[in-house]
């Protein structure tokens, strides 16, 4: 499930998995990362499990989920979310 989501996101957005898991803070990479976190959480993954996948602390995942919630309704973010599925 997790690799499938990362692969799908990487293909849909053209961002390599290494960048999605890496330290990049560019908007497009971060927003894609937030959308992936949101999708994984919706599929029942715990925040520590998502954090391990992204090499981040679970509190960073909680913060990313909050950012995703704030971005809902933004057309660019919604395009990323729909591309990921």
PDB file of N, CA and C in Angstrom:
ATOM      1  N   UNK A   1       0.832  -1.200   0.000  1.00  0.00           N
ATOM      2  CA  UNK A   1       0.000   0.000   0.000  1.00  0.00           C
ATOM      3  C   UNK A   1       0.872   1.258   0.000  1.00  0.00           C
ATOM      4  N   UNK A   2       1.879   1.312   0.842  1.00  0.00           N
ATOM      5  CA  UNK A   2       2.667   2.539   0.949  1.00  0.00           C
ATOM      6  C   UNK A   2       3.511   2.781  -0.294  1.00  0.00           C
ATOM      7  N   UNK A   3       4.154   1.723  -0.795  1.00  0.00           N
ATOM      8  CA  UNK A   3       4.984   1.886  -1.978  1.00  0.00           C
ATOM      9  C   UNK A   3       4.103   2.222  -3.169  1.00  0.00           C
ATOM     10  N   UNK A   4       2.920   1.605  -3.238  1.00  0.00           N
ATOM     11  CA  UNK A   4       1.982   1.902  -4.315  1.00  0.00           C
ATOM     12  C   UNK A   4       1.638   3.390  -4.317  1.00  0.00           C
ATOM     13  N   UNK A   5       1.347   3.952  -3.158  1.00  0.00           N
ATOM     14  CA  UNK A   5       0.995   5.364  -3.062  1.00  0.00           C
ATOM     15  C   UNK A   5       2.171   6.243  -3.475  1.00  0.00           C
ATOM     16  N   UNK A   6       3.362   5.907  -3.024  1.00  0.00           N
ATOM     17  CA  UNK A   6       4.545   6.692  -3.399  1.00  0.00           C
ATOM     18  C   UNK A   6       4.818   6.577  -4.896  1.00  0.00           C
ATOM     19  N   UNK A   7       4.727   5.362  -5.427  1.00  0.00           N
ATOM     20  CA  UNK A   7       4.941   5.184  -6.868  1.00  0.00           C
ATOM     21  C   UNK A   7       3.926   5.972  -7.675  1.00  0.00           C
ATOM     22  N   UNK A   8       2.665   5.880  -7.287  1.00  0.00           N
ATOM     23  CA  UNK A   8       1.601   6.589  -8.010  1.00  0.00           C
ATOM     24  C   UNK A   8       1.843   8.104  -7.958  1.00  0.00           C
ATOM     25  N   UNK A   9       2.204   8.606  -6.792  1.00  0.00           N
ATOM     26  CA  UNK A   9       2.455  10.043  -6.639  1.00  0.00           C
ATOM     27  C   UNK A   9       3.655  10.478  -7.472  1.00  0.00           C
ATOM     28  N   UNK A  10       4.707   9.660  -7.452  1.00  0.00           N
ATOM     29  CA  UNK A  10       5.901   9.987  -8.222  1.00  0.00           C
ATOM     30  C   UNK A  10       5.588  10.022  -9.714  1.00  0.00           C
ATOM     31  N   UNK A  11       4.834   9.063 -10.196  1.00  0.00           N
ATOM     32  CA  UNK A  11       4.479   9.027 -11.613  1.00  0.00           C
ATOM     33  C   UNK A  11       3.549  10.180 -11.984  1.00  0.00           C
ATOM     34  N   UNK A  12       2.580  10.452 -11.123  1.00  0.00           N
ATOM     35  CA  UNK A  12       1.579  11.479 -11.425  1.00  0.00           C
ATOM     36  C   UNK A  12       2.158  12.884 -11.415  1.00  0.00           C
ATOM     37  N   UNK A  13       3.134  13.119 -10.549  1.00  0.00           N
ATOM     38  CA  UNK A  13       3.667  14.466 -10.397  1.00  0.00           C
ATOM     39  C   UNK A  13       5.036  14.662 -11.039  1.00  0.00           C
ATOM     40  N   UNK A  14       5.690  13.566 -11.390  1.00  0.00           N
ATOM     41  CA  UNK A  14       7.030  13.661 -11.965  1.00  0.00           C
ATOM     42  C   UNK A  14       8.108  13.934 -10.933  1.00  0.00           C
ATOM     43  N   UNK A  15       7.780  13.764  -9.662  1.00  0.00           N
ATOM     44  CA  UNK A  15       8.759  13.969  -8.589  1.00  0.00           C
ATOM     45  C   UNK A  15       9.307  12.607  -8.191  1.00  0.00           C
ATOM     46  N   UNK A  16      10.620  12.420  -8.223  1.00  0.00           N
ATOM     47  CA  UNK A  16      11.192  11.128  -7.836  1.00  0.00           C
ATOM     48  C   UNK A  16      10.881  10.776  -6.372  1.00  0.00           C
ATOM     49  N   UNK A  17      10.770   9.491  -6.091  1.00  0.00           N
ATOM     50  CA  UNK A  17      10.487   9.030  -4.721  1.00  0.00           C
ATOM     51  C   UNK A  17      11.549   9.547  -3.761  1.00  0.00           C
ATOM     52  N   UNK A  18      12.794   9.576  -4.196  1.00  0.00           N
ATOM     53  CA  UNK A  18      13.877  10.075  -3.332  1.00  0.00           C
ATOM     54  C   UNK A  18      13.613  11.515  -2.900  1.00  0.00           C
ATOM     55  N   UNK A  19      13.072  12.332  -3.796  1.00  0.00           N
ATOM     56  CA  UNK A  19      12.751  13.717  -3.443  1.00  0.00           C
ATOM     57  C   UNK A  19      11.559  13.782  -2.504  1.00  0.00           C
ATOM     58  N   UNK A  20      10.570  12.905  -2.725  1.00  0.00           N
ATOM     59  CA  UNK A  20       9.400  12.888  -1.851  1.00  0.00           C
ATOM     60  C   UNK A  20       9.786  12.485  -0.432  1.00  0.00           C
ATOM     61  N   UNK A  21      10.762  11.615  -0.313  1.00  0.00           N
ATOM     62  CA  UNK A  21      11.214  11.163   1.005  1.00  0.00           C
ATOM     63  C   UNK A  21      12.343  12.036   1.552  1.00  0.00           C
ATOM     64  N   UNK A  22      12.896  12.894   0.719  1.00  0.00           N
ATOM     65  CA  UNK A  22      14.050  13.701   1.097  1.00  0.00           C
ATOM     66  C   UNK A  22      13.680  14.990   1.822  1.00  0.00           C
ATOM     67  N   UNK A  23      14.670  15.856   1.999  1.00  0.00           N
ATOM     68  CA  UNK A  23      14.486  17.068   2.804  1.00  0.00           C
ATOM     69  C   UNK A  23      13.950  18.288   2.053  1.00  0.00           C
ATOM     70  N   UNK A  24      13.640  18.146   0.773  1.00  0.00           N
ATOM     71  CA  UNK A  24      13.209  19.302  -0.017  1.00  0.00           C
ATOM     72  C   UNK A  24      12.019  20.016   0.613  1.00  0.00           C
ATOM     73  N   UNK A  25      12.075  21.347   0.581  1.00  0.00           N
ATOM     74  CA  UNK A  25      10.980  22.147   1.124  1.00  0.00           C
ATOM     75  C   UNK A  25      10.330  23.011   0.051  1.00  0.00           C
ATOM     76  N   UNK A  26      10.569  22.678  -1.215  1.00  0.00           N
ATOM     77  CA  UNK A  26       9.906  23.427  -2.280  1.00  0.00           C
ATOM     78  C   UNK A  26       8.404  23.131  -2.235  1.00  0.00           C
ATOM     79  N   UNK A  27       7.628  24.092  -2.636  1.00  0.00           N
ATOM     80  CA  UNK A  27       6.171  23.995  -2.510  1.00  0.00           C
ATOM     81  C   UNK A  27       5.596  22.744  -3.167  1.00  0.00           C
ATOM     82  N   UNK A  28       5.985  22.508  -4.406  1.00  0.00           N
ATOM     83  CA  UNK A  28       5.406  21.382  -5.135  1.00  0.00           C
ATOM     84  C   UNK A  28       5.716  20.044  -4.451  1.00  0.00           C
ATOM     85  N   UNK A  29       6.948  19.892  -3.978  1.00  0.00           N
ATOM     86  CA  UNK A  29       7.333  18.655  -3.295  1.00  0.00           C
ATOM     87  C   UNK A  29       6.604  18.545  -1.959  1.00  0.00           C
ATOM     88  N   UNK A  30       6.566  19.615  -1.198  1.00  0.00           N
ATOM     89  CA  UNK A  30       5.889  19.589   0.105  1.00  0.00           C
ATOM     90  C   UNK A  30       4.406  19.316  -0.042  1.00  0.00           C
ATOM     91  N   UNK A  31       3.757  19.978  -0.977  1.00  0.00           N
ATOM     92  CA  UNK A  31       2.319  19.770  -1.148  1.00  0.00           C
ATOM     93  C   UNK A  31       2.021  18.340  -1.586  1.00  0.00           C
ATOM     94  N   UNK A  32       2.878  17.785  -2.430  1.00  0.00           N
ATOM     95  CA  UNK A  32       2.706  16.396  -2.840  1.00  0.00           C
ATOM     96  C   UNK A  32       2.896  15.478  -1.640  1.00  0.00           C
ATOM     97  N   UNK A  33       3.900  15.763  -0.843  1.00  0.00           N
ATOM     98  CA  UNK A  33       4.156  14.982   0.368  1.00  0.00           C
ATOM     99  C   UNK A  33       2.952  15.048   1.311  1.00  0.00           C
ATOM    100  N   UNK A  34       2.383  16.241   1.489  1.00  0.00           N
ATOM    101  CA  UNK A  34       1.203  16.382   2.359  1.00  0.00           C
ATOM    102  C   UNK A  34       0.042  15.557   1.833  1.00  0.00           C
ATOM    103  N   UNK A  35      -0.155  15.579   0.521  1.00  0.00           N
ATOM    104  CA  UNK A  35      -1.252  14.816  -0.087  1.00  0.00           C
ATOM    105  C   UNK A  35      -1.042  13.315   0.103  1.00  0.00           C
ATOM    106  N   UNK A  36       0.196  12.861  -0.007  1.00  0.00           N
ATOM    107  CA  UNK A  36       0.491  11.439   0.211  1.00  0.00           C
ATOM    108  C   UNK A  36       0.228  11.066   1.662  1.00  0.00           C
ATOM    109  N   UNK A  37       0.690  11.906   2.581  1.00  0.00           N
ATOM    110  CA  UNK A  37       0.452  11.648   4.000  1.00  0.00           C
ATOM    111  C   UNK A  37      -1.044  11.522   4.276  1.00  0.00           C
ATOM    112  N   UNK A  38      -1.806  12.426   3.693  1.00  0.00           N
ATOM    113  CA  UNK A  38      -3.251  12.431   3.879  1.00  0.00           C
ATOM    114  C   UNK A  38      -3.876  11.139   3.329  1.00  0.00           C
ATOM    115  N   UNK A  39      -3.417  10.711   2.147  1.00  0.00           N
ATOM    116  CA  UNK A  39      -3.942   9.490   1.539  1.00  0.00           C
ATOM    117  C   UNK A  39      -3.598   8.260   2.383  1.00  0.00           C
ATOM    118  N   UNK A  40      -2.396   8.226   2.898  1.00  0.00           N
ATOM    119  CA  UNK A  40      -1.985   7.094   3.730  1.00  0.00           C
ATOM    120  C   UNK A  40      -2.759   7.052   5.041  1.00  0.00           C
ATOM    121  N   UNK A  41      -2.962   8.210   5.616  1.00  0.00           N
ATOM    122  CA  UNK A  41      -3.730   8.282   6.870  1.00  0.00           C
ATOM    123  C   UNK A  41      -5.171   7.842   6.631  1.00  0.00           C
ATOM    124  N   UNK A  42      -5.743   8.248   5.498  1.00  0.00           N
ATOM    125  CA  UNK A  42      -7.110   7.861   5.157  1.00  0.00           C
ATOM    126  C   UNK A  42      -7.230   6.353   4.963  1.00  0.00           C
ATOM    127  N   UNK A  43      -6.122   5.707   4.592  1.00  0.00           N
ATOM    128  CA  UNK A  43      -6.119   4.256   4.412  1.00  0.00           C
ATOM    129  C   UNK A  43      -5.817   3.518   5.710  1.00  0.00           C
ATOM    130  N   UNK A  44      -5.721   4.276   6.806  1.00  0.00           N
ATOM    131  CA  UNK A  44      -5.572   3.653   8.122  1.00  0.00           C
ATOM    132  C   UNK A  44      -4.170   3.533   8.660  1.00  0.00           C
ATOM    133  N   UNK A  45      -3.188   4.102   7.985  1.00  0.00           N
ATOM    134  CA  UNK A  45      -1.821   4.041   8.512  1.00  0.00           C
ATOM    135  C   UNK A  45      -1.673   4.976   9.701  1.00  0.00           C
ATOM    136  N   UNK A  46      -0.883   4.575  10.665  1.00  0.00           N
ATOM    137  CA  UNK A  46      -0.624   5.419  11.827  1.00  0.00           C
ATOM    138  C   UNK A  46       0.402   6.491  11.465  1.00  0.00           C
ATOM    139  N   UNK A  47       0.419   7.562  12.242  1.00  0.00           N
ATOM    140  CA  UNK A  47       1.392   8.621  11.972  1.00  0.00           C
ATOM    141  C   UNK A  47       2.831   8.137  12.180  1.00  0.00           C
ATOM    142  N   UNK A  48       3.125   7.271  13.180  1.00  0.00           N
ATOM    143  CA  UNK A  48       4.498   6.765  13.272  1.00  0.00           C
ATOM    144  C   UNK A  48       4.904   5.925  12.044  1.00  0.00           C
ATOM    145  N   UNK A  49       3.961   5.134  11.509  1.00  0.00           N
ATOM    146  CA  UNK A  49       4.276   4.322  10.323  1.00  0.00           C
ATOM    147  C   UNK A  49       4.543   5.213   9.116  1.00  0.00           C
ATOM    148  N   UNK A  50       3.744   6.241   8.937  1.00  0.00           N
ATOM    149  CA  UNK A  50       3.967   7.185   7.837  1.00  0.00           C
ATOM    150  C   UNK A  50       5.302   7.893   8.041  1.00  0.00           C
ATOM    151  N   UNK A  51       5.587   8.263   9.274  1.00  0.00           N
ATOM    152  CA  UNK A  51       6.854   8.925   9.586  1.00  0.00           C
ATOM    153  C   UNK A  51       8.053   8.062   9.242  1.00  0.00           C
ATOM    154  N   UNK A  52       7.969   6.775   9.543  1.00  0.00           N
ATOM    155  CA  UNK A  52       9.078   5.876   9.199  1.00  0.00           C
ATOM    156  C   UNK A  52       9.292   5.834   7.690  1.00  0.00           C
ATOM    157  N   UNK A  53       8.221   5.832   6.943  1.00  0.00           N
ATOM    158  CA  UNK A  53       8.318   5.798   5.486  1.00  0.00           C
ATOM    159  C   UNK A  53       9.009   7.041   4.934  1.00  0.00           C
ATOM    160  N   UNK A  54       8.705   8.194   5.537  1.00  0.00           N
ATOM    161  CA  UNK A  54       9.280   9.464   5.075  1.00  0.00           C
ATOM    162  C   UNK A  54      10.541   9.867   5.838  1.00  0.00           C
ATOM    163  N   UNK A  55      11.011   9.020   6.754  1.00  0.00           N
ATOM    164  CA  UNK A  55      12.191   9.321   7.573  1.00  0.00           C
ATOM    165  C   UNK A  55      11.979  10.594   8.395  1.00  0.00           C
ATOM    166  N   UNK A  56      10.782  10.679   8.997  1.00  0.00           N
ATOM    167  CA  UNK A  56      10.426  11.844   9.803  1.00  0.00           C
ATOM    168  C   UNK A  56       9.745  11.393  11.086  1.00  0.00           C
ATOM    169  N   UNK A  57       9.765  12.256  12.064  1.00  0.00           N
ATOM    170  CA  UNK A  57       9.079  12.006  13.323  1.00  0.00           C
ATOM    171  C   UNK A  57       7.567  12.055  13.101  1.00  0.00           C
ATOM    172  N   UNK A  58       6.820  11.329  13.926  1.00  0.00           N
ATOM    173  CA  UNK A  58       5.362  11.321  13.750  1.00  0.00           C
ATOM    174  C   UNK A  58       4.741  12.701  13.954  1.00  0.00           C
ATOM    175  N   UNK A  59       5.380  13.554  14.741  1.00  0.00           N
ATOM    176  CA  UNK A  59       4.827  14.896  14.939  1.00  0.00           C
ATOM    177  C   UNK A  59       4.942  15.735  13.663  1.00  0.00           C
ATOM    178  N   UNK A  60       5.958  15.456  12.863  1.00  0.00           N
ATOM    179  CA  UNK A  60       6.081  16.126  11.572  1.00  0.00           C
ATOM    180  C   UNK A  60       4.946  15.693  10.656  1.00  0.00           C
ATOM    181  N   UNK A  61       4.554  14.431  10.746  1.00  0.00           N
ATOM    182  CA  UNK A  61       3.443  13.926   9.951  1.00  0.00           C
ATOM    183  C   UNK A  61       2.144  14.596  10.385  1.00  0.00           C
ATOM    184  N   UNK A  62       1.949  14.736  11.681  1.00  0.00           N
ATOM    185  CA  UNK A  62       0.755  15.422  12.193  1.00  0.00           C
ATOM    186  C   UNK A  62       0.714  16.849  11.660  1.00  0.00           C
ATOM    187  N   UNK A  63       1.856  17.522  11.653  1.00  0.00           N
ATOM    188  CA  UNK A  63       1.931  18.876  11.122  1.00  0.00           C
ATOM    189  C   UNK A  63       1.596  18.892   9.627  1.00  0.00           C
ATOM    190  N   UNK A  64       2.112  17.927   8.882  1.00  0.00           N
ATOM    191  CA  UNK A  64       1.816  17.829   7.457  1.00  0.00           C
ATOM    192  C   UNK A  64       0.338  17.590   7.192  1.00  0.00           C
ATOM    193  N   UNK A  65      -0.295  16.774   8.035  1.00  0.00           N
ATOM    194  CA  UNK A  65      -1.728  16.525   7.896  1.00  0.00           C
ATOM    195  C   UNK A  65      -2.533  17.798   8.159  1.00  0.00           C
ATOM    196  N   UNK A  66      -2.077  18.584   9.108  1.00  0.00           N
ATOM    197  CA  UNK A  66      -2.745  19.871   9.376  1.00  0.00           C
ATOM    198  C   UNK A  66      -2.594  20.815   8.190  1.00  0.00           C
ATOM    199  N   UNK A  67      -1.407  20.826   7.598  1.00  0.00           N
ATOM    200  CA  UNK A  67      -1.185  21.672   6.423  1.00  0.00           C
ATOM    201  C   UNK A  67      -2.078  21.225   5.268  1.00  0.00           C
ATOM    202  N   UNK A  68      -2.212  19.910   5.105  1.00  0.00           N
ATOM    203  CA  UNK A  68      -3.074  19.386   4.040  1.00  0.00           C
ATOM    204  C   UNK A  68      -4.512  19.837   4.248  1.00  0.00           C
ATOM    205  N   UNK A  69      -4.941  19.837   5.496  1.00  0.00           N
ATOM    206  CA  UNK A  69      -6.307  20.285   5.804  1.00  0.00           C
ATOM    207  C   UNK A  69      -6.491  21.756   5.438  1.00  0.00           C
ATOM    208  N   UNK A  70      -5.481  22.562   5.731  1.00  0.00           N
ATOM    209  CA  UNK A  70      -5.547  23.993   5.402  1.00  0.00           C
ATOM    210  C   UNK A  70      -5.546  24.236   3.898  1.00  0.00           C
ATOM    211  N   UNK A  71      -4.883  23.352   3.158  1.00  0.00           N
ATOM    212  CA  UNK A  71      -4.752  23.527   1.712  1.00  0.00           C
ATOM    213  C   UNK A  71      -5.961  23.028   0.923  1.00  0.00           C
ATOM    214  N   UNK A  72      -6.844  22.307   1.587  1.00  0.00           N
ATOM    215  CA  UNK A  72      -8.029  21.812   0.882  1.00  0.00           C
ATOM    216  C   UNK A  72      -8.784  22.985   0.280  1.00  0.00           C
ATOM    217  N   UNK A  73      -9.189  22.805  -0.953  1.00  0.00           N
ATOM    218  CA  UNK A  73      -9.882  23.872  -1.658  1.00  0.00           C
ATOM    219  C   UNK A  73      -8.962  24.664  -2.573  1.00  0.00           C
ATOM    220  N   UNK A  74      -7.659  24.588  -2.330  1.00  0.00           N
ATOM    221  CA  UNK A  74      -6.694  25.251  -3.205  1.00  0.00           C
ATOM    222  C   UNK A  74      -6.629  24.436  -4.501  1.00  0.00           C
ATOM    223  N   UNK A  75      -6.878  25.060  -5.650  1.00  0.00           N
ATOM    224  CA  UNK A  75      -6.917  24.301  -6.907  1.00  0.00           C
ATOM    225  C   UNK A  75      -5.641  23.501  -7.196  1.00  0.00           C
ATOM    226  N   UNK A  76      -4.486  24.070  -6.934  1.00  0.00           N
ATOM    227  CA  UNK A  76      -3.225  23.360  -7.205  1.00  0.00           C
ATOM    228  C   UNK A  76      -3.094  22.134  -6.305  1.00  0.00           C
ATOM    229  N   UNK A  77      -3.446  22.297  -5.038  1.00  0.00           N
ATOM    230  CA  UNK A  77      -3.368  21.165  -4.105  1.00  0.00           C
ATOM    231  C   UNK A  77      -4.399  20.102  -4.466  1.00  0.00           C
ATOM    232  N   UNK A  78      -5.579  20.520  -4.839  1.00  0.00           N
ATOM    233  CA  UNK A  78      -6.627  19.568  -5.230  1.00  0.00           C
ATOM    234  C   UNK A  78      -6.221  18.786  -6.475  1.00  0.00           C
ATOM    235  N   UNK A  79      -5.491  19.421  -7.397  1.00  0.00           N
ATOM    236  CA  UNK A  79      -4.976  18.708  -8.583  1.00  0.00           C
ATOM    237  C   UNK A  79      -4.007  17.617  -8.180  1.00  0.00           C
ATOM    238  N   UNK A  80      -3.149  17.923  -7.218  1.00  0.00           N
ATOM    239  CA  UNK A  80      -2.193  16.923  -6.720  1.00  0.00           C
ATOM    240  C   UNK A  80      -2.944  15.783  -6.056  1.00  0.00           C
ATOM    241  N   UNK A  81      -3.912  16.118  -5.213  1.00  0.00           N
ATOM    242  CA  UNK A  81      -4.692  15.080  -4.523  1.00  0.00           C
ATOM    243  C   UNK A  81      -5.414  14.175  -5.504  1.00  0.00           C
ATOM    244  N   UNK A  82      -6.010  14.758  -6.526  1.00  0.00           N
ATOM    245  CA  UNK A  82      -6.745  13.944  -7.486  1.00  0.00           C
ATOM    246  C   UNK A  82      -5.798  13.090  -8.336  1.00  0.00           C
ATOM    247  N   UNK A  83      -4.603  13.588  -8.611  1.00  0.00           N
ATOM    248  CA  UNK A  83      -3.622  12.813  -9.381  1.00  0.00           C
ATOM    249  C   UNK A  83      -3.155  11.593  -8.610  1.00  0.00           C
ATOM    250  N   UNK A  84      -3.034  11.759  -7.295  1.00  0.00           N
ATOM    251  CA  UNK A  84      -2.566  10.658  -6.451  1.00  0.00           C
ATOM    252  C   UNK A  84      -3.670   9.618  -6.280  1.00  0.00           C
ATOM    253  N   UNK A  85      -4.884  10.099  -6.177  1.00  0.00           N
ATOM    254  CA  UNK A  85      -6.033   9.183  -6.062  1.00  0.00           C
ATOM    255  C   UNK A  85      -6.374   8.877  -4.699  1.00  0.00           C
TER     256      UNK A  85
END
